[in-house]
Amino acid sequence: MKEEELRIRREVKKQTAGYILAAFGFVVGLAWNDAIKTFIEYSFPLNKDSILAKLIYAFLITFIVVLATVYFVKSTEEKLEENN
């Protein structure tokens, strides 16, 4: 019974830590979102609601997310190969 209780407590702590880290990641994402929007508005002084500004922003964010995803997937695959 004690072992099961300890296992459950560890799992709750692990999940809670994951949720807290995800929340921090969300806040960081919001900060970068604002920074990138401001950079685009400064670099391309168009109406911030123009379709061109929104397209530039969408392409830039997509490019960054694809690069980050490829990096993390490769890193994870390398770690899995090292463990095998």
PDB file of N, CA and C in Angstrom:
ATOM      1  N   MET A   1       0.811  -1.184   0.000  1.00  0.00           N
ATOM      2  CA  MET A   1       0.000   0.000   0.000  1.00  0.00           C
ATOM      3  C   MET A   1       0.866   1.263   0.000  1.00  0.00           C
ATOM      4  N   LYS A   2       1.906   1.269   0.803  1.00  0.00           N
ATOM      5  CA  LYS A   2       2.806   2.434   0.883  1.00  0.00           C
ATOM      6  C   LYS A   2       3.479   2.691  -0.464  1.00  0.00           C
ATOM      7  N   GLU A   3       3.920   1.616  -1.124  1.00  0.00           N
ATOM      8  CA  GLU A   3       4.604   1.778  -2.410  1.00  0.00           C
ATOM      9  C   GLU A   3       3.666   2.395  -3.440  1.00  0.00           C
ATOM     10  N   GLU A   4       2.433   1.951  -3.445  1.00  0.00           N
ATOM     11  CA  GLU A   4       1.448   2.493  -4.381  1.00  0.00           C
ATOM     12  C   GLU A   4       1.196   3.976  -4.099  1.00  0.00           C
ATOM     13  N   GLU A   5       1.107   4.333  -2.840  1.00  0.00           N
ATOM     14  CA  GLU A   5       0.901   5.731  -2.451  1.00  0.00           C
ATOM     15  C   GLU A   5       2.086   6.592  -2.879  1.00  0.00           C
ATOM     16  N   LEU A   6       3.297   6.097  -2.695  1.00  0.00           N
ATOM     17  CA  LEU A   6       4.494   6.839  -3.111  1.00  0.00           C
ATOM     18  C   LEU A   6       4.534   6.992  -4.626  1.00  0.00           C
ATOM     19  N   ARG A   7       4.162   5.938  -5.340  1.00  0.00           N
ATOM     20  CA  ARG A   7       4.149   5.990  -6.803  1.00  0.00           C
ATOM     21  C   ARG A   7       3.146   7.042  -7.284  1.00  0.00           C
ATOM     22  N   ILE A   8       1.987   7.066  -6.662  1.00  0.00           N
ATOM     23  CA  ILE A   8       0.963   8.044  -7.044  1.00  0.00           C
ATOM     24  C   ILE A   8       1.433   9.461  -6.737  1.00  0.00           C
ATOM     25  N   ARG A   9       2.057   9.662  -5.588  1.00  0.00           N
ATOM     26  CA  ARG A   9       2.570  10.998  -5.240  1.00  0.00           C
ATOM     27  C   ARG A   9       3.633  11.457  -6.237  1.00  0.00           C
ATOM     28  N   ARG A  10       4.531  10.545  -6.606  1.00  0.00           N
ATOM     29  CA  ARG A  10       5.564  10.894  -7.591  1.00  0.00           C
ATOM     30  C   ARG A  10       4.929  11.271  -8.923  1.00  0.00           C
ATOM     31  N   GLU A  11       3.929  10.506  -9.325  1.00  0.00           N
ATOM     32  CA  GLU A  11       3.261  10.787 -10.596  1.00  0.00           C
ATOM     33  C   GLU A  11       2.539  12.133 -10.552  1.00  0.00           C
ATOM     34  N   VAL A  12       1.897  12.442  -9.441  1.00  0.00           N
ATOM     35  CA  VAL A  12       1.216  13.736  -9.298  1.00  0.00           C
ATOM     36  C   VAL A  12       2.230  14.872  -9.364  1.00  0.00           C
ATOM     37  N   LYS A  13       3.355  14.723  -8.677  1.00  0.00           N
ATOM     38  CA  LYS A  13       4.402  15.756  -8.719  1.00  0.00           C
ATOM     39  C   LYS A  13       4.941  15.920 -10.131  1.00  0.00           C
ATOM     40  N   LYS A  14       5.143  14.800 -10.816  1.00  0.00           N
ATOM     41  CA  LYS A  14       5.666  14.839 -12.181  1.00  0.00           C
ATOM     42  C   LYS A  14       4.681  15.560 -13.108  1.00  0.00           C
ATOM     43  N   GLN A  15       3.407  15.208 -13.016  1.00  0.00           N
ATOM     44  CA  GLN A  15       2.394  15.850 -13.856  1.00  0.00           C
ATOM     45  C   GLN A  15       2.260  17.336 -13.527  1.00  0.00           C
ATOM     46  N   THR A  16       2.283  17.668 -12.257  1.00  0.00           N
ATOM     47  CA  THR A  16       2.179  19.070 -11.844  1.00  0.00           C
ATOM     48  C   THR A  16       3.352  19.879 -12.385  1.00  0.00           C
ATOM     49  N   ALA A  17       4.545  19.326 -12.284  1.00  0.00           N
ATOM     50  CA  ALA A  17       5.727  20.011 -12.824  1.00  0.00           C
ATOM     51  C   ALA A  17       5.583  20.205 -14.329  1.00  0.00           C
ATOM     52  N   GLY A  18       5.065  19.201 -15.019  1.00  0.00           N
ATOM     53  CA  GLY A  18       4.853  19.317 -16.459  1.00  0.00           C
ATOM     54  C   GLY A  18       3.872  20.423 -16.805  1.00  0.00           C
ATOM     55  N   TYR A  19       2.789  20.518 -16.037  1.00  0.00           N
ATOM     56  CA  TYR A  19       1.804  21.570 -16.285  1.00  0.00           C
ATOM     57  C   TYR A  19       2.382  22.955 -16.006  1.00  0.00           C
ATOM     58  N   ILE A  20       3.169  23.070 -14.962  1.00  0.00           N
ATOM     59  CA  ILE A  20       3.786  24.358 -14.633  1.00  0.00           C
ATOM     60  C   ILE A  20       4.765  24.767 -15.732  1.00  0.00           C
ATOM     61  N   LEU A  21       5.568  23.824 -16.205  1.00  0.00           N
ATOM     62  CA  LEU A  21       6.504  24.129 -17.289  1.00  0.00           C
ATOM     63  C   LEU A  21       5.761  24.503 -18.566  1.00  0.00           C
ATOM     64  N   ALA A  22       4.658  23.826 -18.846  1.00  0.00           N
ATOM     65  CA  ALA A  22       3.860  24.170 -20.024  1.00  0.00           C
ATOM     66  C   ALA A  22       3.306  25.590 -19.903  1.00  0.00           C
ATOM     67  N   ALA A  23       2.886  25.973 -18.710  1.00  0.00           N
ATOM     68  CA  ALA A  23       2.380  27.333 -18.498  1.00  0.00           C
ATOM     69  C   ALA A  23       3.482  28.364 -18.725  1.00  0.00           C
ATOM     70  N   PHE A  24       4.680  28.081 -18.217  1.00  0.00           N
ATOM     71  CA  PHE A  24       5.800  28.991 -18.460  1.00  0.00           C
ATOM     72  C   PHE A  24       6.113  29.067 -19.955  1.00  0.00           C
ATOM     73  N   GLY A  25       6.061  27.935 -20.629  1.00  0.00           N
ATOM     74  CA  GLY A  25       6.283  27.919 -22.074  1.00  0.00           C
ATOM     75  C   GLY A  25       5.253  28.760 -22.806  1.00  0.00           C
ATOM     76  N   PHE A  26       4.021  28.706 -22.350  1.00  0.00           N
ATOM     77  CA  PHE A  26       2.958  29.506 -22.945  1.00  0.00           C
ATOM     78  C   PHE A  26       3.241  30.997 -22.774  1.00  0.00           C
ATOM     79  N   VAL A  27       3.673  31.395 -21.591  1.00  0.00           N
ATOM     80  CA  VAL A  27       3.995  32.800 -21.324  1.00  0.00           C
ATOM     81  C   VAL A  27       5.158  33.251 -22.211  1.00  0.00           C
ATOM     82  N   VAL A  28       6.161  32.402 -22.346  1.00  0.00           N
ATOM     83  CA  VAL A  28       7.296  32.728 -23.216  1.00  0.00           C
ATOM     84  C   VAL A  28       6.816  32.876 -24.659  1.00  0.00           C
ATOM     85  N   GLY A  29       5.932  31.973 -25.080  1.00  0.00           N
ATOM     86  CA  GLY A  29       5.381  32.061 -26.432  1.00  0.00           C
ATOM     87  C   GLY A  29       4.628  33.362 -26.667  1.00  0.00           C
ATOM     88  N   LEU A  30       3.866  33.787 -25.683  1.00  0.00           N
ATOM     89  CA  LEU A  30       3.153  35.063 -25.804  1.00  0.00           C
ATOM     90  C   LEU A  30       4.127  36.234 -25.913  1.00  0.00           C
ATOM     91  N   ALA A  31       5.205  36.177 -25.146  1.00  0.00           N
ATOM     92  CA  ALA A  31       6.203  37.252 -25.203  1.00  0.00           C
ATOM     93  C   ALA A  31       6.851  37.308 -26.586  1.00  0.00           C
ATOM     94  N   TRP A  32       7.210  36.139 -27.122  1.00  0.00           N
ATOM     95  CA  TRP A  32       7.813  36.107 -28.455  1.00  0.00           C
ATOM     96  C   TRP A  32       6.808  36.534 -29.520  1.00  0.00           C
ATOM     97  N   ASN A  33       5.567  36.157 -29.346  1.00  0.00           N
ATOM     98  CA  ASN A  33       4.522  36.561 -30.275  1.00  0.00           C
ATOM     99  C   ASN A  33       4.468  38.080 -30.376  1.00  0.00           C
ATOM    100  N   ASP A  34       4.453  38.742 -29.243  1.00  0.00           N
ATOM    101  CA  ASP A  34       4.402  40.201 -29.221  1.00  0.00           C
ATOM    102  C   ASP A  34       5.674  40.806 -29.812  1.00  0.00           C
ATOM    103  N   ALA A  35       6.819  40.230 -29.470  1.00  0.00           N
ATOM    104  CA  ALA A  35       8.090  40.756 -29.984  1.00  0.00           C
ATOM    105  C   ALA A  35       8.164  40.637 -31.506  1.00  0.00           C
ATOM    106  N   ILE A  36       7.743  39.511 -32.043  1.00  0.00           N
ATOM    107  CA  ILE A  36       7.804  39.318 -33.495  1.00  0.00           C
ATOM    108  C   ILE A  36       6.820  40.240 -34.201  1.00  0.00           C
ATOM    109  N   LYS A  37       5.629  40.379 -33.656  1.00  0.00           N
ATOM    110  CA  LYS A  37       4.657  41.302 -34.256  1.00  0.00           C
ATOM    111  C   LYS A  37       5.201  42.729 -34.274  1.00  0.00           C
ATOM    112  N   THR A  38       5.803  43.152 -33.171  1.00  0.00           N
ATOM    113  CA  THR A  38       6.364  44.500 -33.092  1.00  0.00           C
ATOM    114  C   THR A  38       7.493  44.673 -34.095  1.00  0.00           C
ATOM    115  N   PHE A  39       8.344  43.661 -34.230  1.00  0.00           N
ATOM    116  CA  PHE A  39       9.443  43.716 -35.195  1.00  0.00           C
ATOM    117  C   PHE A  39       8.911  43.863 -36.617  1.00  0.00           C
ATOM    118  N   ILE A  40       7.887  43.101 -36.961  1.00  0.00           N
ATOM    119  CA  ILE A  40       7.321  43.177 -38.311  1.00  0.00           C
ATOM    120  C   ILE A  40       6.677  44.541 -38.545  1.00  0.00           C
ATOM    121  N   GLU A  41       5.949  45.041 -37.557  1.00  0.00           N
ATOM    122  CA  GLU A  41       5.332  46.362 -37.697  1.00  0.00           C
ATOM    123  C   GLU A  41       6.389  47.451 -37.857  1.00  0.00           C
ATOM    124  N   TYR A  42       7.515  47.299 -37.169  1.00  0.00           N
ATOM    125  CA  TYR A  42       8.601  48.273 -37.266  1.00  0.00           C
ATOM    126  C   TYR A  42       9.313  48.155 -38.615  1.00  0.00           C
ATOM    127  N   SER A  43       9.568  46.926 -39.049  1.00  0.00           N
ATOM    128  CA  SER A  43      10.314  46.694 -40.290  1.00  0.00           C
ATOM    129  C   SER A  43       9.486  46.997 -41.528  1.00  0.00           C
ATOM    130  N   PHE A  44       8.212  46.708 -41.471  1.00  0.00           N
ATOM    131  CA  PHE A  44       7.310  46.930 -42.596  1.00  0.00           C
ATOM    132  C   PHE A  44       6.177  47.838 -42.123  1.00  0.00           C
ATOM    133  N   PRO A  45       6.385  49.146 -42.195  1.00  0.00           N
ATOM    134  CA  PRO A  45       5.399  50.081 -41.619  1.00  0.00           C
ATOM    135  C   PRO A  45       4.090  50.117 -42.413  1.00  0.00           C
ATOM    136  N   LEU A  46       3.398  48.996 -42.402  1.00  0.00           N
ATOM    137  CA  LEU A  46       2.087  48.902 -43.028  1.00  0.00           C
ATOM    138  C   LEU A  46       1.043  48.933 -41.925  1.00  0.00           C
ATOM    139  N   ASN A  47      -0.168  48.990 -42.319  1.00  0.00           N
ATOM    140  CA  ASN A  47      -1.246  48.844 -41.344  1.00  0.00           C
ATOM    141  C   ASN A  47      -1.113  47.458 -40.727  1.00  0.00           C
ATOM    142  N   LYS A  48      -1.103  47.385 -39.402  1.00  0.00           N
ATOM    143  CA  LYS A  48      -0.852  46.101 -38.744  1.00  0.00           C
ATOM    144  C   LYS A  48      -1.949  45.080 -39.015  1.00  0.00           C
ATOM    145  N   ASP A  49      -3.099  45.530 -39.503  1.00  0.00           N
ATOM    146  CA  ASP A  49      -4.179  44.612 -39.838  1.00  0.00           C
ATOM    147  C   ASP A  49      -4.208  44.275 -41.325  1.00  0.00           C
ATOM    148  N   SER A  50      -3.188  44.709 -42.065  1.00  0.00           N
ATOM    149  CA  SER A  50      -3.170  44.426 -43.496  1.00  0.00           C
ATOM    150  C   SER A  50      -2.870  42.952 -43.726  1.00  0.00           C
ATOM    151  N   ILE A  51      -3.338  42.456 -44.844  1.00  0.00           N
ATOM    152  CA  ILE A  51      -3.146  41.041 -45.172  1.00  0.00           C
ATOM    153  C   ILE A  51      -1.663  40.736 -45.359  1.00  0.00           C
ATOM    154  N   LEU A  52      -0.904  41.675 -45.908  1.00  0.00           N
ATOM    155  CA  LEU A  52       0.524  41.429 -46.114  1.00  0.00           C
ATOM    156  C   LEU A  52       1.252  41.262 -44.787  1.00  0.00           C
ATOM    157  N   ALA A  53       0.957  42.111 -43.825  1.00  0.00           N
ATOM    158  CA  ALA A  53       1.598  41.994 -42.512  1.00  0.00           C
ATOM    159  C   ALA A  53       1.236  40.669 -41.848  1.00  0.00           C
ATOM    160  N   LYS A  54      -0.014  40.261 -41.969  1.00  0.00           N
ATOM    161  CA  LYS A  54      -0.436  38.993 -41.371  1.00  0.00           C
ATOM    162  C   LYS A  54       0.216  37.804 -42.068  1.00  0.00           C
ATOM    163  N   LEU A  55       0.358  37.871 -43.386  1.00  0.00           N
ATOM    164  CA  LEU A  55       1.019  36.783 -44.116  1.00  0.00           C
ATOM    165  C   LEU A  55       2.496  36.685 -43.746  1.00  0.00           C
ATOM    166  N   ILE A  56       3.166  37.821 -43.660  1.00  0.00           N
ATOM    167  CA  ILE A  56       4.577  37.817 -43.259  1.00  0.00           C
ATOM    168  C   ILE A  56       4.718  37.197 -41.880  1.00  0.00           C
ATOM    169  N   TYR A  57       3.858  37.594 -40.968  1.00  0.00           N
ATOM    170  CA  TYR A  57       3.894  37.055 -39.604  1.00  0.00           C
ATOM    171  C   TYR A  57       3.645  35.545 -39.613  1.00  0.00           C
ATOM    172  N   ALA A  58       2.643  35.100 -40.361  1.00  0.00           N
ATOM    173  CA  ALA A  58       2.317  33.669 -40.410  1.00  0.00           C
ATOM    174  C   ALA A  58       3.474  32.859 -40.982  1.00  0.00           C
ATOM    175  N   PHE A  59       4.097  33.333 -42.057  1.00  0.00           N
ATOM    176  CA  PHE A  59       5.229  32.609 -42.639  1.00  0.00           C
ATOM    177  C   PHE A  59       6.419  32.571 -41.684  1.00  0.00           C
ATOM    178  N   LEU A  60       6.685  33.676 -41.027  1.00  0.00           N
ATOM    179  CA  LEU A  60       7.807  33.725 -40.094  1.00  0.00           C
ATOM    180  C   LEU A  60       7.595  32.760 -38.929  1.00  0.00           C
ATOM    181  N   ILE A  61       6.422  32.771 -38.342  1.00  0.00           N
ATOM    182  CA  ILE A  61       6.122  31.871 -37.226  1.00  0.00           C
ATOM    183  C   ILE A  61       6.178  30.419 -37.687  1.00  0.00           C
ATOM    184  N   THR A  62       5.620  30.123 -38.854  1.00  0.00           N
ATOM    185  CA  THR A  62       5.657  28.755 -39.377  1.00  0.00           C
ATOM    186  C   THR A  62       7.089  28.289 -39.559  1.00  0.00           C
ATOM    187  N   PHE A  63       7.933  29.134 -40.116  1.00  0.00           N
ATOM    188  CA  PHE A  63       9.336  28.790 -40.330  1.00  0.00           C
ATOM    189  C   PHE A  63      10.033  28.489 -39.007  1.00  0.00           C
ATOM    190  N   ILE A  64       9.820  29.327 -38.017  1.00  0.00           N
ATOM    191  CA  ILE A  64      10.455  29.133 -36.705  1.00  0.00           C
ATOM    192  C   ILE A  64       9.977  27.842 -36.060  1.00  0.00           C
ATOM    193  N   VAL A  65       8.680  27.576 -36.128  1.00  0.00           N
ATOM    194  CA  VAL A  65       8.135  26.362 -35.510  1.00  0.00           C
ATOM    195  C   VAL A  65       8.647  25.111 -36.217  1.00  0.00           C
ATOM    196  N   VAL A  66       8.736  25.142 -37.533  1.00  0.00           N
ATOM    197  CA  VAL A  66       9.257  23.984 -38.271  1.00  0.00           C
ATOM    198  C   VAL A  66      10.712  23.729 -37.894  1.00  0.00           C
ATOM    199  N   LEU A  67      11.525  24.772 -37.830  1.00  0.00           N
ATOM    200  CA  LEU A  67      12.927  24.597 -37.431  1.00  0.00           C
ATOM    201  C   LEU A  67      13.041  24.022 -36.022  1.00  0.00           C
ATOM    202  N   ALA A  68      12.267  24.547 -35.097  1.00  0.00           N
ATOM    203  CA  ALA A  68      12.306  24.051 -33.718  1.00  0.00           C
ATOM    204  C   ALA A  68      11.853  22.601 -33.648  1.00  0.00           C
ATOM    205  N   THR A  69      10.812  22.249 -34.393  1.00  0.00           N
ATOM    206  CA  THR A  69      10.310  20.877 -34.387  1.00  0.00           C
ATOM    207  C   THR A  69      11.345  19.912 -34.937  1.00  0.00           C
ATOM    208  N   VAL A  70      11.962  20.259 -36.047  1.00  0.00           N
ATOM    209  CA  VAL A  70      12.991  19.396 -36.634  1.00  0.00           C
ATOM    210  C   VAL A  70      14.146  19.216 -35.660  1.00  0.00           C
ATOM    211  N   TYR A  71      14.559  20.291 -35.019  1.00  0.00           N
ATOM    212  CA  TYR A  71      15.657  20.215 -34.055  1.00  0.00           C
ATOM    213  C   TYR A  71      15.313  19.281 -32.902  1.00  0.00           C
ATOM    214  N   PHE A  72      14.135  19.448 -32.321  1.00  0.00           N
ATOM    215  CA  PHE A  72      13.753  18.631 -31.169  1.00  0.00           C
ATOM    216  C   PHE A  72      13.547  17.172 -31.546  1.00  0.00           C
ATOM    217  N   VAL A  73      12.991  16.908 -32.720  1.00  0.00           N
ATOM    218  CA  VAL A  73      12.797  15.520 -33.151  1.00  0.00           C
ATOM    219  C   VAL A  73      14.144  14.843 -33.358  1.00  0.00           C
ATOM    220  N   LYS A  74      15.073  15.521 -34.019  1.00  0.00           N
ATOM    221  CA  LYS A  74      16.407  14.940 -34.223  1.00  0.00           C
ATOM    222  C   LYS A  74      17.110  14.717 -32.896  1.00  0.00           C
ATOM    223  N   SER A  75      17.002  15.669 -32.000  1.00  0.00           N
ATOM    224  CA  SER A  75      17.629  15.540 -30.691  1.00  0.00           C
ATOM    225  C   SER A  75      17.053  14.355 -29.928  1.00  0.00           C
ATOM    226  N   THR A  76      15.750  14.203 -29.973  1.00  0.00           N
ATOM    227  CA  THR A  76      15.096  13.087 -29.286  1.00  0.00           C
ATOM    228  C   THR A  76      15.493  11.758 -29.902  1.00  0.00           C
ATOM    229  N   GLU A  77      15.547  11.698 -31.229  1.00  0.00           N
ATOM    230  CA  GLU A  77      15.944  10.458 -31.900  1.00  0.00           C
ATOM    231  C   GLU A  77      17.373  10.078 -31.539  1.00  0.00           C
ATOM    232  N   GLU A  78      18.266  11.066 -31.479  1.00  0.00           N
ATOM    233  CA  GLU A  78      19.657  10.782 -31.117  1.00  0.00           C
ATOM    234  C   GLU A  78      19.754  10.244 -29.696  1.00  0.00           C
ATOM    235  N   LYS A  79      18.998  10.810 -28.784  1.00  0.00           N
ATOM    236  CA  LYS A  79      19.012  10.335 -27.398  1.00  0.00           C
ATOM    237  C   LYS A  79      18.460   8.922 -27.302  1.00  0.00           C
ATOM    238  N   LEU A  80      17.421   8.628 -28.077  1.00  0.00           N
ATOM    239  CA  LEU A  80      16.864   7.277 -28.062  1.00  0.00           C
ATOM    240  C   LEU A  80      17.859   6.266 -28.620  1.00  0.00           C
ATOM    241  N   GLU A  81      18.588   6.656 -29.670  1.00  0.00           N
ATOM    242  CA  GLU A  81      19.593   5.764 -30.246  1.00  0.00           C
ATOM    243  C   GLU A  81      20.740   5.520 -29.271  1.00  0.00           C
ATOM    244  N   GLU A  82      21.112   6.552 -28.515  1.00  0.00           N
ATOM    245  CA  GLU A  82      22.181   6.398 -27.527  1.00  0.00           C
ATOM    246  C   GLU A  82      21.776   5.431 -26.421  1.00  0.00           C
ATOM    247  N   ASN A  83      20.509   5.437 -26.058  1.00  0.00           N
ATOM    248  CA  ASN A  83      20.029   4.567 -24.988  1.00  0.00           C
ATOM    249  C   ASN A  83      19.878   3.120 -25.437  1.00  0.00           C
ATOM    250  N   ASN A  84      19.800   2.881 -26.727  1.00  0.00           N
ATOM    251  CA  ASN A  84      19.645   1.502 -27.226  1.00  0.00           C
ATOM    252  C   ASN A  84      20.947   0.854 -27.455  1.00  0.00           C
TER     253      ASN A  84
END
